[in-house]
């Protein structure tokens, strides 16, 4: 199954889901930022991969704006070469507007991840010949204050229903890409990979999350990520 077909099924499965307090706003970039997201899949998601990197869910200045995982505007536009029209979520939080590729804020996690890929591989084609990057959950959740709420902090019933849908999509994506190793970007993603795939899996591991909320990442994320890759025998 193609990544586009898997994404269409994921969109349909998410449509009836609702989320209660403390979540007040839910954004799905797969819908309002469909064009850049599907451009990402079309351009870079064909064939199989040696390694798949799995993040948690969209950041407010990354995939929320561009539809691309870890989608810092400058890196998506200037390095990945993707710039497409972006619409608006059904209910937009006044403190978290979607400005698409006009968003002036940088997404630190995305700047670090794609900046590392650019420095290590040079061109996107060289990186994507071996790697692909996805998010486990495509939804972003906000509280009344505008504060981001991560999927693991949702009320139990909503969280479990969401994880069941995202687990299926992740398993289907990995079956399509057939990597020899899947690496969670952070502990949450590694946990969800193991839960979604069960015992019959490719090798699973973890690299540090590049978020500025991770103190270790602020001391040199690229070096820490490369050390993790070496631990798993990934030769860059």
C-alpha atoms as a PDB file:
ATOM      1  CA  UNK A   1       0.000   0.000   0.000  1.00  0.00           C
ATOM      2  CA  UNK A   2       1.320   3.471  -0.849  1.00  0.00           C
ATOM      3  CA  UNK A   3       1.970   6.049   1.847  1.00  0.00           C
ATOM      4  CA  UNK A   4      -0.689   8.245   0.249  1.00  0.00           C
ATOM      5  CA  UNK A   5      -3.313   5.491   0.631  1.00  0.00           C
ATOM      6  CA  UNK A   6      -2.275   4.864   4.244  1.00  0.00           C
ATOM      7  CA  UNK A   7      -2.601   8.583   4.932  1.00  0.00           C
ATOM      8  CA  UNK A   8      -6.070   8.734   3.351  1.00  0.00           C
ATOM      9  CA  UNK A   9      -7.193   5.880   5.627  1.00  0.00           C
ATOM     10  CA  UNK A  10      -5.676   7.623   8.646  1.00  0.00           C
ATOM     11  CA  UNK A  11      -7.524  10.863   7.827  1.00  0.00           C
ATOM     12  CA  UNK A  12     -10.818   8.981   7.594  1.00  0.00           C
ATOM     13  CA  UNK A  13     -10.222   7.139  10.870  1.00  0.00           C
ATOM     14  CA  UNK A  14      -9.471  10.387  12.705  1.00  0.00           C
ATOM     15  CA  UNK A  15     -12.517  12.309  11.428  1.00  0.00           C
ATOM     16  CA  UNK A  16     -15.019  11.147  14.093  1.00  0.00           C
ATOM     17  CA  UNK A  17     -12.641  11.608  17.003  1.00  0.00           C
ATOM     18  CA  UNK A  18     -13.235  14.371  19.528  1.00  0.00           C
ATOM     19  CA  UNK A  19     -11.111  15.457  22.469  1.00  0.00           C
ATOM     20  CA  UNK A  20     -12.334  17.016  25.703  1.00  0.00           C
ATOM     21  CA  UNK A  21     -10.843  19.292  28.348  1.00  0.00           C
ATOM     22  CA  UNK A  22      -8.144  20.255  28.914  1.00  0.00           C
ATOM     23  CA  UNK A  23      -7.874  20.109  25.089  1.00  0.00           C
ATOM     24  CA  UNK A  24      -9.840  22.949  23.485  1.00  0.00           C
ATOM     25  CA  UNK A  25      -8.414  22.915  19.935  1.00  0.00           C
ATOM     26  CA  UNK A  26      -7.224  20.052  17.726  1.00  0.00           C
ATOM     27  CA  UNK A  27      -5.331  20.626  14.461  1.00  0.00           C
ATOM     28  CA  UNK A  28      -4.934  18.007  11.737  1.00  0.00           C
ATOM     29  CA  UNK A  29      -2.335  19.205   9.208  1.00  0.00           C
ATOM     30  CA  UNK A  30      -3.086  16.178   7.010  1.00  0.00           C
ATOM     31  CA  UNK A  31      -6.282  18.004   6.025  1.00  0.00           C
ATOM     32  CA  UNK A  32      -5.632  21.758   5.935  1.00  0.00           C
ATOM     33  CA  UNK A  33      -1.942  21.312   4.938  1.00  0.00           C
ATOM     34  CA  UNK A  34      -2.710  18.367   2.674  1.00  0.00           C
ATOM     35  CA  UNK A  35      -0.896  19.749  -0.371  1.00  0.00           C
ATOM     36  CA  UNK A  36       2.586  20.093   1.166  1.00  0.00           C
ATOM     37  CA  UNK A  37       2.167  16.849   3.112  1.00  0.00           C
ATOM     38  CA  UNK A  38       1.270  14.842   0.037  1.00  0.00           C
ATOM     39  CA  UNK A  39       4.044  16.585  -1.894  1.00  0.00           C
ATOM     40  CA  UNK A  40       6.448  15.319   0.792  1.00  0.00           C
ATOM     41  CA  UNK A  41       5.130  11.762   0.363  1.00  0.00           C
ATOM     42  CA  UNK A  42       5.191  11.989  -3.427  1.00  0.00           C
ATOM     43  CA  UNK A  43       8.698  13.377  -3.626  1.00  0.00           C
ATOM     44  CA  UNK A  44      10.439  11.426  -0.878  1.00  0.00           C
ATOM     45  CA  UNK A  45       8.185   8.517   0.159  1.00  0.00           C
ATOM     46  CA  UNK A  46       8.555   6.107  -2.750  1.00  0.00           C
ATOM     47  CA  UNK A  47      10.151   2.664  -2.387  1.00  0.00           C
ATOM     48  CA  UNK A  48      11.750   1.127   0.672  1.00  0.00           C
ATOM     49  CA  UNK A  49      14.118   2.578   3.276  1.00  0.00           C
ATOM     50  CA  UNK A  50      16.983   1.372   5.380  1.00  0.00           C
ATOM     51  CA  UNK A  51      15.939   3.475   8.374  1.00  0.00           C
ATOM     52  CA  UNK A  52      12.726   5.180   9.465  1.00  0.00           C
ATOM     53  CA  UNK A  53      12.756   7.931  12.091  1.00  0.00           C
ATOM     54  CA  UNK A  54       9.512   8.380  14.025  1.00  0.00           C
ATOM     55  CA  UNK A  55       8.599  11.555  15.897  1.00  0.00           C
ATOM     56  CA  UNK A  56       5.724  12.184  18.309  1.00  0.00           C
ATOM     57  CA  UNK A  57       3.267  14.691  16.774  1.00  0.00           C
ATOM     58  CA  UNK A  58       3.277  18.103  15.055  1.00  0.00           C
ATOM     59  CA  UNK A  59       4.914  21.098  16.666  1.00  0.00           C
ATOM     60  CA  UNK A  60       3.131  24.487  16.550  1.00  0.00           C
ATOM     61  CA  UNK A  61       5.770  26.095  14.327  1.00  0.00           C
ATOM     62  CA  UNK A  62       6.657  22.965  12.346  1.00  0.00           C
ATOM     63  CA  UNK A  63       4.241  20.445  10.884  1.00  0.00           C
ATOM     64  CA  UNK A  64       1.289  22.530  12.109  1.00  0.00           C
ATOM     65  CA  UNK A  65       2.431  25.189   9.624  1.00  0.00           C
ATOM     66  CA  UNK A  66       3.895  23.167   6.743  1.00  0.00           C
ATOM     67  CA  UNK A  67       2.321  19.706   6.893  1.00  0.00           C
ATOM     68  CA  UNK A  68       5.785  18.105   6.910  1.00  0.00           C
ATOM     69  CA  UNK A  69       7.149  16.231   9.947  1.00  0.00           C
ATOM     70  CA  UNK A  70       9.538  18.451  11.940  1.00  0.00           C
ATOM     71  CA  UNK A  71       8.564  20.995   9.296  1.00  0.00           C
ATOM     72  CA  UNK A  72      10.496  24.140  10.100  1.00  0.00           C
ATOM     73  CA  UNK A  73       9.436  26.554   7.349  1.00  0.00           C
ATOM     74  CA  UNK A  74      12.913  27.517   6.185  1.00  0.00           C
ATOM     75  CA  UNK A  75      14.197  23.940   6.028  1.00  0.00           C
ATOM     76  CA  UNK A  76      11.099  22.614   4.259  1.00  0.00           C
ATOM     77  CA  UNK A  77      11.097  25.420   1.713  1.00  0.00           C
ATOM     78  CA  UNK A  78      14.813  25.928   1.143  1.00  0.00           C
ATOM     79  CA  UNK A  79      16.267  22.446   1.623  1.00  0.00           C
ATOM     80  CA  UNK A  80      13.441  20.003   0.958  1.00  0.00           C
ATOM     81  CA  UNK A  81      12.171  22.230  -1.837  1.00  0.00           C
ATOM     82  CA  UNK A  82       8.519  22.061  -0.778  1.00  0.00           C
ATOM     83  CA  UNK A  83       6.250  25.097  -0.672  1.00  0.00           C
ATOM     84  CA  UNK A  84       2.521  24.660  -1.244  1.00  0.00           C
ATOM     85  CA  UNK A  85      -0.647  26.515  -0.202  1.00  0.00           C
ATOM     86  CA  UNK A  86      -1.837  25.809   3.345  1.00  0.00           C
ATOM     87  CA  UNK A  87      -5.397  26.345   4.573  1.00  0.00           C
ATOM     88  CA  UNK A  88      -6.761  26.726   8.085  1.00  0.00           C
ATOM     89  CA  UNK A  89      -7.911  24.233  10.725  1.00  0.00           C
ATOM     90  CA  UNK A  90     -11.664  24.103  11.324  1.00  0.00           C
ATOM     91  CA  UNK A  91     -11.317  25.844  14.681  1.00  0.00           C
ATOM     92  CA  UNK A  92      -8.201  27.984  14.985  1.00  0.00           C
ATOM     93  CA  UNK A  93      -6.789  28.980  18.365  1.00  0.00           C
ATOM     94  CA  UNK A  94      -6.222  32.769  18.414  1.00  0.00           C
ATOM     95  CA  UNK A  95      -2.822  32.252  20.026  1.00  0.00           C
ATOM     96  CA  UNK A  96      -1.769  29.536  17.578  1.00  0.00           C
ATOM     97  CA  UNK A  97      -2.611  30.852  14.100  1.00  0.00           C
ATOM     98  CA  UNK A  98      -1.732  28.772  11.070  1.00  0.00           C
ATOM     99  CA  UNK A  99       0.234  31.011   8.701  1.00  0.00           C
ATOM    100  CA  UNK A 100       1.619  28.250   6.508  1.00  0.00           C
ATOM    101  CA  UNK A 101       4.881  29.099   4.780  1.00  0.00           C
ATOM    102  CA  UNK A 102       4.438  32.686   5.914  1.00  0.00           C
ATOM    103  CA  UNK A 103       5.056  31.685   9.535  1.00  0.00           C
ATOM    104  CA  UNK A 104       7.995  33.785  10.789  1.00  0.00           C
ATOM    105  CA  UNK A 105       8.851  31.520  13.744  1.00  0.00           C
ATOM    106  CA  UNK A 106      11.533  28.864  13.485  1.00  0.00           C
ATOM    107  CA  UNK A 107      10.825  25.335  14.699  1.00  0.00           C
ATOM    108  CA  UNK A 108      13.886  24.420  16.740  1.00  0.00           C
ATOM    109  CA  UNK A 109      13.388  20.644  16.579  1.00  0.00           C
ATOM    110  CA  UNK A 110      12.942  20.794  12.809  1.00  0.00           C
ATOM    111  CA  UNK A 111      15.900  23.140  12.339  1.00  0.00           C
ATOM    112  CA  UNK A 112      18.079  20.701  14.241  1.00  0.00           C
ATOM    113  CA  UNK A 113      16.831  17.516  12.570  1.00  0.00           C
ATOM    114  CA  UNK A 114      16.816  18.711   8.966  1.00  0.00           C
ATOM    115  CA  UNK A 115      19.903  20.856   9.547  1.00  0.00           C
ATOM    116  CA  UNK A 116      21.740  17.723  10.685  1.00  0.00           C
ATOM    117  CA  UNK A 117      20.513  15.818   7.616  1.00  0.00           C
ATOM    118  CA  UNK A 118      21.683  18.628   5.348  1.00  0.00           C
ATOM    119  CA  UNK A 119      25.087  18.790   7.000  1.00  0.00           C
ATOM    120  CA  UNK A 120      25.558  15.020   6.963  1.00  0.00           C
ATOM    121  CA  UNK A 121      24.156  14.155   3.525  1.00  0.00           C
ATOM    122  CA  UNK A 122      24.231  17.382   1.527  1.00  0.00           C
ATOM    123  CA  UNK A 123      21.160  16.836  -0.630  1.00  0.00           C
ATOM    124  CA  UNK A 124      17.655  15.660   0.331  1.00  0.00           C
ATOM    125  CA  UNK A 125      17.883  12.870  -2.245  1.00  0.00           C
ATOM    126  CA  UNK A 126      21.002  11.464  -0.551  1.00  0.00           C
ATOM    127  CA  UNK A 127      19.295  11.532   2.859  1.00  0.00           C
ATOM    128  CA  UNK A 128      16.019  10.015   1.676  1.00  0.00           C
ATOM    129  CA  UNK A 129      17.796   7.256  -0.218  1.00  0.00           C
ATOM    130  CA  UNK A 130      18.407   5.709   3.209  1.00  0.00           C
ATOM    131  CA  UNK A 131      16.036   7.455   5.648  1.00  0.00           C
ATOM    132  CA  UNK A 132      12.437   8.540   5.954  1.00  0.00           C
ATOM    133  CA  UNK A 133      10.886  10.709   8.676  1.00  0.00           C
ATOM    134  CA  UNK A 134       7.304  10.403   9.940  1.00  0.00           C
ATOM    135  CA  UNK A 135       5.269  11.394  12.977  1.00  0.00           C
ATOM    136  CA  UNK A 136       3.445   8.773  15.010  1.00  0.00           C
ATOM    137  CA  UNK A 137       0.408  11.002  15.548  1.00  0.00           C
ATOM    138  CA  UNK A 138      -0.593  13.659  12.981  1.00  0.00           C
ATOM    139  CA  UNK A 139      -2.708  15.731  15.393  1.00  0.00           C
ATOM    140  CA  UNK A 140      -1.669  18.746  17.464  1.00  0.00           C
ATOM    141  CA  UNK A 141      -3.547  19.495  20.691  1.00  0.00           C
ATOM    142  CA  UNK A 142      -3.877  22.857  22.432  1.00  0.00           C
ATOM    143  CA  UNK A 143      -5.303  23.959  25.741  1.00  0.00           C
ATOM    144  CA  UNK A 144      -7.296  27.160  26.313  1.00  0.00           C
ATOM    145  CA  UNK A 145      -4.098  29.057  27.106  1.00  0.00           C
ATOM    146  CA  UNK A 146      -2.526  27.975  23.803  1.00  0.00           C
ATOM    147  CA  UNK A 147      -0.240  25.585  25.600  1.00  0.00           C
ATOM    148  CA  UNK A 148       0.659  22.457  23.646  1.00  0.00           C
ATOM    149  CA  UNK A 149      -0.595  19.134  25.084  1.00  0.00           C
ATOM    150  CA  UNK A 150       1.208  16.012  23.899  1.00  0.00           C
ATOM    151  CA  UNK A 151      -0.753  12.859  22.982  1.00  0.00           C
ATOM    152  CA  UNK A 152       0.507  10.896  25.985  1.00  0.00           C
ATOM    153  CA  UNK A 153      -1.121  13.484  28.287  1.00  0.00           C
ATOM    154  CA  UNK A 154      -4.640  13.072  26.863  1.00  0.00           C
ATOM    155  CA  UNK A 155      -7.443  11.580  29.004  1.00  0.00           C
ATOM    156  CA  UNK A 156      -7.170   7.803  28.954  1.00  0.00           C
ATOM    157  CA  UNK A 157     -10.197   6.896  26.820  1.00  0.00           C
ATOM    158  CA  UNK A 158      -9.397   9.411  24.076  1.00  0.00           C
ATOM    159  CA  UNK A 159      -5.711   8.541  24.213  1.00  0.00           C
ATOM    160  CA  UNK A 160      -6.324   4.814  23.834  1.00  0.00           C
ATOM    161  CA  UNK A 161      -8.686   5.301  20.882  1.00  0.00           C
ATOM    162  CA  UNK A 162      -6.218   7.638  19.190  1.00  0.00           C
ATOM    163  CA  UNK A 163      -3.289   5.292  19.766  1.00  0.00           C
ATOM    164  CA  UNK A 164      -5.199   2.374  18.228  1.00  0.00           C
ATOM    165  CA  UNK A 165      -5.663   4.359  15.002  1.00  0.00           C
ATOM    166  CA  UNK A 166      -2.083   5.660  14.963  1.00  0.00           C
ATOM    167  CA  UNK A 167      -0.688   2.187  15.718  1.00  0.00           C
ATOM    168  CA  UNK A 168      -2.421   0.792  12.628  1.00  0.00           C
ATOM    169  CA  UNK A 169      -1.128   3.592  10.443  1.00  0.00           C
ATOM    170  CA  UNK A 170       2.409   3.202  11.777  1.00  0.00           C
ATOM    171  CA  UNK A 171       2.394  -0.563  11.200  1.00  0.00           C
ATOM    172  CA  UNK A 172       1.100  -0.072   7.650  1.00  0.00           C
ATOM    173  CA  UNK A 173       3.694   2.624   6.931  1.00  0.00           C
ATOM    174  CA  UNK A 174       6.544   0.435   8.122  1.00  0.00           C
ATOM    175  CA  UNK A 175       5.200  -2.535   6.154  1.00  0.00           C
ATOM    176  CA  UNK A 176       5.337  -0.317   3.057  1.00  0.00           C
ATOM    177  CA  UNK A 177       8.815   1.107   3.697  1.00  0.00           C
ATOM    178  CA  UNK A 178      10.270  -2.196   4.999  1.00  0.00           C
ATOM    179  CA  UNK A 179      13.145  -0.668   6.984  1.00  0.00           C
ATOM    180  CA  UNK A 180      15.780  -2.799   8.645  1.00  0.00           C
ATOM    181  CA  UNK A 181      15.622  -0.481  11.656  1.00  0.00           C
ATOM    182  CA  UNK A 182      13.080   1.933  13.126  1.00  0.00           C
ATOM    183  CA  UNK A 183      14.288   4.651  15.475  1.00  0.00           C
ATOM    184  CA  UNK A 184      12.031   6.642  17.742  1.00  0.00           C
ATOM    185  CA  UNK A 185      12.923  10.301  18.057  1.00  0.00           C
ATOM    186  CA  UNK A 186      12.602  10.350  21.824  1.00  0.00           C
ATOM    187  CA  UNK A 187      11.308   7.798  24.338  1.00  0.00           C
ATOM    188  CA  UNK A 188       7.601   8.197  23.577  1.00  0.00           C
ATOM    189  CA  UNK A 189       8.054   7.341  19.898  1.00  0.00           C
ATOM    190  CA  UNK A 190      10.199   4.309  20.706  1.00  0.00           C
ATOM    191  CA  UNK A 191       7.527   3.068  23.102  1.00  0.00           C
ATOM    192  CA  UNK A 192       4.776   3.473  20.487  1.00  0.00           C
ATOM    193  CA  UNK A 193       6.833   1.688  17.825  1.00  0.00           C
ATOM    194  CA  UNK A 194       7.286  -1.311  20.094  1.00  0.00           C
ATOM    195  CA  UNK A 195       3.600  -1.296  21.046  1.00  0.00           C
ATOM    196  CA  UNK A 196       2.381  -0.979  17.453  1.00  0.00           C
ATOM    197  CA  UNK A 197       4.614  -3.660  15.992  1.00  0.00           C
ATOM    198  CA  UNK A 198       4.747  -6.235  18.769  1.00  0.00           C
ATOM    199  CA  UNK A 199       7.335  -9.000  18.625  1.00  0.00           C
ATOM    200  CA  UNK A 200       7.582  -9.402  14.843  1.00  0.00           C
ATOM    201  CA  UNK A 201       9.474  -6.187  14.114  1.00  0.00           C
ATOM    202  CA  UNK A 202      12.550  -4.795  12.493  1.00  0.00           C
ATOM    203  CA  UNK A 203      15.205  -3.648  14.928  1.00  0.00           C
ATOM    204  CA  UNK A 204      13.922  -0.801  17.129  1.00  0.00           C
ATOM    205  CA  UNK A 205      15.923   1.888  18.880  1.00  0.00           C
ATOM    206  CA  UNK A 206      15.930   5.541  19.853  1.00  0.00           C
ATOM    207  CA  UNK A 207      17.778   8.768  19.199  1.00  0.00           C
ATOM    208  CA  UNK A 208      17.443  11.848  21.437  1.00  0.00           C
ATOM    209  CA  UNK A 209      14.634  14.277  20.708  1.00  0.00           C
ATOM    210  CA  UNK A 210      15.929  17.592  19.311  1.00  0.00           C
ATOM    211  CA  UNK A 211      13.408  19.680  21.264  1.00  0.00           C
ATOM    212  CA  UNK A 212      14.796  22.597  23.304  1.00  0.00           C
ATOM    213  CA  UNK A 213      12.785  21.095  26.181  1.00  0.00           C
ATOM    214  CA  UNK A 214      15.378  18.302  26.203  1.00  0.00           C
ATOM    215  CA  UNK A 215      18.429  19.665  28.091  1.00  0.00           C
ATOM    216  CA  UNK A 216      20.755  17.146  26.447  1.00  0.00           C
ATOM    217  CA  UNK A 217      19.696  18.345  22.994  1.00  0.00           C
ATOM    218  CA  UNK A 218      20.693  21.893  23.899  1.00  0.00           C
ATOM    219  CA  UNK A 219      24.234  20.704  24.630  1.00  0.00           C
ATOM    220  CA  UNK A 220      24.716  19.456  21.073  1.00  0.00           C
ATOM    221  CA  UNK A 221      21.905  17.417  19.562  1.00  0.00           C
ATOM    222  CA  UNK A 222      23.672  16.397  16.349  1.00  0.00           C
ATOM    223  CA  UNK A 223      26.580  14.824  18.208  1.00  0.00           C
ATOM    224  CA  UNK A 224      24.217  13.026  20.608  1.00  0.00           C
ATOM    225  CA  UNK A 225      22.143  11.687  17.704  1.00  0.00           C
ATOM    226  CA  UNK A 226      25.229  10.453  15.859  1.00  0.00           C
ATOM    227  CA  UNK A 227      26.449   8.730  19.022  1.00  0.00           C
ATOM    228  CA  UNK A 228      23.082   6.939  19.236  1.00  0.00           C
ATOM    229  CA  UNK A 229      23.313   5.923  15.583  1.00  0.00           C
ATOM    230  CA  UNK A 230      26.779   4.467  16.178  1.00  0.00           C
ATOM    231  CA  UNK A 231      25.484   2.501  19.160  1.00  0.00           C
ATOM    232  CA  UNK A 232      23.025   0.754  16.841  1.00  0.00           C
ATOM    233  CA  UNK A 233      25.646   0.153  14.168  1.00  0.00           C
ATOM    234  CA  UNK A 234      24.249   2.759  11.780  1.00  0.00           C
ATOM    235  CA  UNK A 235      27.083   3.900   9.550  1.00  0.00           C
ATOM    236  CA  UNK A 236      26.494   7.401   8.275  1.00  0.00           C
END
